[in-house]
């Protein structure tokens, strides 16, 4: 039964993690955002009071 031989599957596991940990993060981090987020002020806006008729 070939599935009981761990040698090729362990090599596949190691090489796939090598790819995941080296190549993919560099490609993901190389993307640039079209709209850079702007910093907001530290003060919170005051909420408006509700103007509902409570009956």
PDB file of N, CA and C in Angstrom:
ATOM      1  N   UNK A   1       0.831  -1.179   0.000  1.00  0.00           N
ATOM      2  CA  UNK A   1       0.000   0.000   0.000  1.00  0.00           C
ATOM      3  C   UNK A   1       0.881   1.249   0.000  1.00  0.00           C
ATOM      4  N   UNK A   2       0.853   2.051  -1.037  1.00  0.00           N
ATOM      5  CA  UNK A   2       1.762   3.190  -1.122  1.00  0.00           C
ATOM      6  C   UNK A   2       1.410   4.325  -0.159  1.00  0.00           C
ATOM      7  N   UNK A   3       0.166   4.415   0.280  1.00  0.00           N
ATOM      8  CA  UNK A   3      -0.181   5.533   1.165  1.00  0.00           C
ATOM      9  C   UNK A   3       0.420   5.387   2.558  1.00  0.00           C
ATOM     10  N   UNK A   4       0.959   4.222   2.890  1.00  0.00           N
ATOM     11  CA  UNK A   4       1.569   4.041   4.188  1.00  0.00           C
ATOM     12  C   UNK A   4       3.042   4.444   4.200  1.00  0.00           C
ATOM     13  N   UNK A   5       3.603   4.729   3.047  1.00  0.00           N
ATOM     14  CA  UNK A   5       4.987   5.162   2.969  1.00  0.00           C
ATOM     15  C   UNK A   5       5.035   6.676   3.215  1.00  0.00           C
ATOM     16  N   UNK A   6       5.584   7.124   4.359  1.00  0.00           N
ATOM     17  CA  UNK A   6       5.522   8.557   4.674  1.00  0.00           C
ATOM     18  C   UNK A   6       6.574   9.410   3.974  1.00  0.00           C
ATOM     19  N   UNK A   7       7.542   8.794   3.326  1.00  0.00           N
ATOM     20  CA  UNK A   7       8.652   9.566   2.770  1.00  0.00           C
ATOM     21  C   UNK A   7       8.218  10.588   1.715  1.00  0.00           C
ATOM     22  N   UNK A   8       7.466  10.251   0.673  1.00  0.00           N
ATOM     23  CA  UNK A   8       7.130  11.303  -0.306  1.00  0.00           C
ATOM     24  C   UNK A   8       6.135  12.319   0.257  1.00  0.00           C
ATOM     25  N   UNK A   9       5.239  11.900   1.141  1.00  0.00           N
ATOM     26  CA  UNK A   9       4.237  12.823   1.672  1.00  0.00           C
ATOM     27  C   UNK A   9       4.870  13.821   2.633  1.00  0.00           C
ATOM     28  N   UNK A  10       5.874  13.385   3.363  1.00  0.00           N
ATOM     29  CA  UNK A  10       6.559  14.326   4.253  1.00  0.00           C
ATOM     30  C   UNK A  10       7.320  15.369   3.443  1.00  0.00           C
ATOM     31  N   UNK A  11       7.928  14.951   2.350  1.00  0.00           N
ATOM     32  CA  UNK A  11       8.635  15.910   1.490  1.00  0.00           C
ATOM     33  C   UNK A  11       7.657  16.899   0.860  1.00  0.00           C
ATOM     34  N   UNK A  12       6.495  16.422   0.442  1.00  0.00           N
ATOM     35  CA  UNK A  12       5.471  17.309  -0.120  1.00  0.00           C
ATOM     36  C   UNK A  12       5.005  18.303   0.944  1.00  0.00           C
ATOM     37  N   UNK A  13       4.800  17.834   2.159  1.00  0.00           N
ATOM     38  CA  UNK A  13       4.390  18.708   3.249  1.00  0.00           C
ATOM     39  C   UNK A  13       5.440  19.788   3.519  1.00  0.00           C
ATOM     40  N   UNK A  14       6.692  19.388   3.580  1.00  0.00           N
ATOM     41  CA  UNK A  14       7.761  20.351   3.872  1.00  0.00           C
ATOM     42  C   UNK A  14       7.892  21.364   2.743  1.00  0.00           C
ATOM     43  N   UNK A  15       7.862  20.938   1.502  1.00  0.00           N
ATOM     44  CA  UNK A  15       8.010  21.868   0.396  1.00  0.00           C
ATOM     45  C   UNK A  15       6.802  22.786   0.259  1.00  0.00           C
ATOM     46  N   UNK A  16       5.619  22.277   0.536  1.00  0.00           N
ATOM     47  CA  UNK A  16       4.448  23.145   0.451  1.00  0.00           C
ATOM     48  C   UNK A  16       4.491  24.218   1.533  1.00  0.00           C
ATOM     49  N   UNK A  17       4.919  23.862   2.754  1.00  0.00           N
ATOM     50  CA  UNK A  17       5.053  24.875   3.805  1.00  0.00           C
ATOM     51  C   UNK A  17       6.179  25.844   3.488  1.00  0.00           C
ATOM     52  N   UNK A  18       7.207  25.370   2.847  1.00  0.00           N
ATOM     53  CA  UNK A  18       8.288  26.263   2.426  1.00  0.00           C
ATOM     54  C   UNK A  18       7.759  27.310   1.454  1.00  0.00           C
ATOM     55  N   UNK A  19       6.918  26.873   0.524  1.00  0.00           N
ATOM     56  CA  UNK A  19       6.305  27.809  -0.419  1.00  0.00           C
ATOM     57  C   UNK A  19       5.372  28.757   0.314  1.00  0.00           C
ATOM     58  N   UNK A  20       4.547  28.222   1.196  1.00  0.00           N
ATOM     59  CA  UNK A  20       3.588  29.066   1.914  1.00  0.00           C
ATOM     60  C   UNK A  20       4.286  30.117   2.773  1.00  0.00           C
ATOM     61  N   UNK A  21       5.402  29.781   3.377  1.00  0.00           N
ATOM     62  CA  UNK A  21       6.043  30.692   4.307  1.00  0.00           C
ATOM     63  C   UNK A  21       7.063  31.627   3.669  1.00  0.00           C
ATOM     64  N   UNK A  22       7.477  31.374   2.435  1.00  0.00           N
ATOM     65  CA  UNK A  22       8.479  32.243   1.817  1.00  0.00           C
ATOM     66  C   UNK A  22       7.941  33.002   0.606  1.00  0.00           C
ATOM     67  N   UNK A  23       7.311  32.338  -0.304  1.00  0.00           N
ATOM     68  CA  UNK A  23       6.933  32.983  -1.563  1.00  0.00           C
ATOM     69  C   UNK A  23       5.615  33.735  -1.444  1.00  0.00           C
ATOM     70  N   UNK A  24       4.616  33.115  -0.866  1.00  0.00           N
ATOM     71  CA  UNK A  24       3.285  33.718  -0.849  1.00  0.00           C
ATOM     72  C   UNK A  24       3.229  34.996  -0.008  1.00  0.00           C
ATOM     73  N   UNK A  25       3.806  35.062   1.207  1.00  0.00           N
ATOM     74  CA  UNK A  25       3.731  36.330   1.950  1.00  0.00           C
ATOM     75  C   UNK A  25       4.411  37.500   1.238  1.00  0.00           C
ATOM     76  N   UNK A  26       5.501  37.254   0.540  1.00  0.00           N
ATOM     77  CA  UNK A  26       6.156  38.355  -0.170  1.00  0.00           C
ATOM     78  C   UNK A  26       5.282  38.850  -1.316  1.00  0.00           C
ATOM     79  N   UNK A  27       4.569  37.953  -1.980  1.00  0.00           N
ATOM     80  CA  UNK A  27       3.686  38.380  -3.055  1.00  0.00           C
ATOM     81  C   UNK A  27       2.480  39.138  -2.515  1.00  0.00           C
ATOM     82  N   UNK A  28       1.963  38.702  -1.389  1.00  0.00           N
ATOM     83  CA  UNK A  28       0.802  39.381  -0.812  1.00  0.00           C
ATOM     84  C   UNK A  28       1.187  40.762  -0.296  1.00  0.00           C
ATOM     85  N   UNK A  29       2.340  40.868   0.358  1.00  0.00           N
ATOM     86  CA  UNK A  29       2.747  42.148   0.923  1.00  0.00           C
ATOM     87  C   UNK A  29       3.212  43.140  -0.155  1.00  0.00           C
ATOM     88  N   UNK A  30       3.462  42.674  -1.361  1.00  0.00           N
ATOM     89  CA  UNK A  30       3.906  43.563  -2.431  1.00  0.00           C
ATOM     90  C   UNK A  30       2.753  44.354  -3.041  1.00  0.00           C
ATOM     91  N   UNK A  31       1.511  43.973  -2.749  1.00  0.00           N
ATOM     92  CA  UNK A  31       0.369  44.696  -3.301  1.00  0.00           C
ATOM     93  C   UNK A  31       0.263  46.067  -2.644  1.00  0.00           C
ATOM     94  N   UNK A  32      -0.100  47.039  -3.435  1.00  0.00           N
ATOM     95  CA  UNK A  32      -0.301  48.381  -2.895  1.00  0.00           C
ATOM     96  C   UNK A  32      -1.788  48.712  -2.949  1.00  0.00           C
ATOM     97  N   UNK A  33      -2.238  49.474  -1.980  1.00  0.00           N
ATOM     98  CA  UNK A  33      -3.628  49.875  -1.921  1.00  0.00           C
ATOM     99  C   UNK A  33      -3.827  51.108  -2.795  1.00  0.00           C
ATOM    100  N   UNK A  34      -4.929  51.156  -3.490  1.00  0.00           N
ATOM    101  CA  UNK A  34      -5.209  52.309  -4.336  1.00  0.00           C
ATOM    102  C   UNK A  34      -5.542  53.531  -3.481  1.00  0.00           C
ATOM    103  N   UNK A  35      -6.324  53.342  -2.436  1.00  0.00           N
ATOM    104  CA  UNK A  35      -6.703  54.441  -1.556  1.00  0.00           C
ATOM    105  C   UNK A  35      -6.081  54.196  -0.194  1.00  0.00           C
ATOM    106  N   UNK A  36      -5.111  55.011   0.152  1.00  0.00           N
ATOM    107  CA  UNK A  36      -4.492  54.876   1.461  1.00  0.00           C
ATOM    108  C   UNK A  36      -5.460  55.379   2.526  1.00  0.00           C
ATOM    109  N   UNK A  37      -5.605  54.659   3.626  1.00  0.00           N
ATOM    110  CA  UNK A  37      -6.536  55.119   4.655  1.00  0.00           C
ATOM    111  C   UNK A  37      -6.010  56.380   5.346  1.00  0.00           C
ATOM    112  N   UNK A  38      -6.911  57.281   5.627  1.00  0.00           N
ATOM    113  CA  UNK A  38      -6.502  58.514   6.293  1.00  0.00           C
ATOM    114  C   UNK A  38      -6.744  58.383   7.789  1.00  0.00           C
ATOM    115  N   UNK A  39      -5.959  59.112   8.549  1.00  0.00           N
ATOM    116  CA  UNK A  39      -6.120  59.062   9.994  1.00  0.00           C
ATOM    117  C   UNK A  39      -7.304  59.926  10.399  1.00  0.00           C
ATOM    118  N   UNK A  40      -8.065  59.455  11.380  1.00  0.00           N
ATOM    119  CA  UNK A  40      -9.222  60.208  11.854  1.00  0.00           C
ATOM    120  C   UNK A  40      -8.852  60.937  13.132  1.00  0.00           C
ATOM    121  N   UNK A  41      -9.655  61.922  13.453  1.00  0.00           N
ATOM    122  CA  UNK A  41      -9.387  62.676  14.671  1.00  0.00           C
ATOM    123  C   UNK A  41      -9.702  61.818  15.893  1.00  0.00           C
ATOM    124  N   UNK A  42      -9.079  62.164  17.012  1.00  0.00           N
ATOM    125  CA  UNK A  42      -9.230  61.372  18.223  1.00  0.00           C
ATOM    126  C   UNK A  42     -10.559  61.634  18.921  1.00  0.00           C
ATOM    127  N   UNK A  43     -11.160  62.799  18.681  1.00  0.00           N
ATOM    128  CA  UNK A  43     -12.412  63.111  19.367  1.00  0.00           C
ATOM    129  C   UNK A  43     -13.581  62.429  18.668  1.00  0.00           C
ATOM    130  N   UNK A  44     -14.490  61.914  19.464  1.00  0.00           N
ATOM    131  CA  UNK A  44     -15.652  61.220  18.907  1.00  0.00           C
ATOM    132  C   UNK A  44     -16.734  62.240  18.564  1.00  0.00           C
ATOM    133  N   UNK A  45     -17.458  62.023  17.500  1.00  0.00           N
ATOM    134  CA  UNK A  45     -18.557  62.943  17.198  1.00  0.00           C
ATOM    135  C   UNK A  45     -19.704  62.731  18.193  1.00  0.00           C
ATOM    136  N   UNK A  46     -20.348  63.853  18.563  1.00  0.00           N
ATOM    137  CA  UNK A  46     -21.461  63.753  19.500  1.00  0.00           C
ATOM    138  C   UNK A  46     -22.675  63.195  18.776  1.00  0.00           C
ATOM    139  N   UNK A  47     -23.332  62.203  19.351  1.00  0.00           N
ATOM    140  CA  UNK A  47     -24.532  61.678  18.685  1.00  0.00           C
ATOM    141  C   UNK A  47     -25.706  62.645  18.840  1.00  0.00           C
ATOM    142  N   UNK A  48     -26.503  62.709  17.826  1.00  0.00           N
ATOM    143  CA  UNK A  48     -27.696  63.546  17.864  1.00  0.00           C
ATOM    144  C   UNK A  48     -28.768  62.864  18.705  1.00  0.00           C
ATOM    145  N   UNK A  49     -29.510  63.600  19.523  1.00  0.00           N
ATOM    146  CA  UNK A  49     -30.595  62.972  20.272  1.00  0.00           C
ATOM    147  C   UNK A  49     -31.739  62.577  19.342  1.00  0.00           C
ATOM    148  N   UNK A  50     -32.398  61.494  19.674  1.00  0.00           N
ATOM    149  CA  UNK A  50     -33.501  61.023  18.860  1.00  0.00           C
ATOM    150  C   UNK A  50     -34.697  61.924  19.081  1.00  0.00           C
ATOM    151  N   UNK A  51     -35.381  62.191  18.003  1.00  0.00           N
ATOM    152  CA  UNK A  51     -36.521  63.078  18.076  1.00  0.00           C
ATOM    153  C   UNK A  51     -37.802  62.295  17.775  1.00  0.00           C
ATOM    154  N   UNK A  52     -38.024  61.188  18.473  1.00  0.00           N
ATOM    155  CA  UNK A  52     -39.162  60.343  18.220  1.00  0.00           C
ATOM    156  C   UNK A  52     -40.296  60.691  19.175  1.00  0.00           C
ATOM    157  N   UNK A  53     -41.522  60.642  18.690  1.00  0.00           N
ATOM    158  CA  UNK A  53     -42.647  60.822  19.614  1.00  0.00           C
ATOM    159  C   UNK A  53     -42.919  59.511  20.365  1.00  0.00           C
ATOM    160  N   UNK A  54     -42.663  59.512  21.645  1.00  0.00           N
ATOM    161  CA  UNK A  54     -42.856  58.302  22.445  1.00  0.00           C
ATOM    162  C   UNK A  54     -44.271  58.325  23.014  1.00  0.00           C
ATOM    163  N   UNK A  55     -45.127  57.448  22.542  1.00  0.00           N
ATOM    164  CA  UNK A  55     -46.512  57.386  23.009  1.00  0.00           C
ATOM    165  C   UNK A  55     -46.739  56.145  23.796  1.00  0.00           C
TER     166      UNK A  55
END
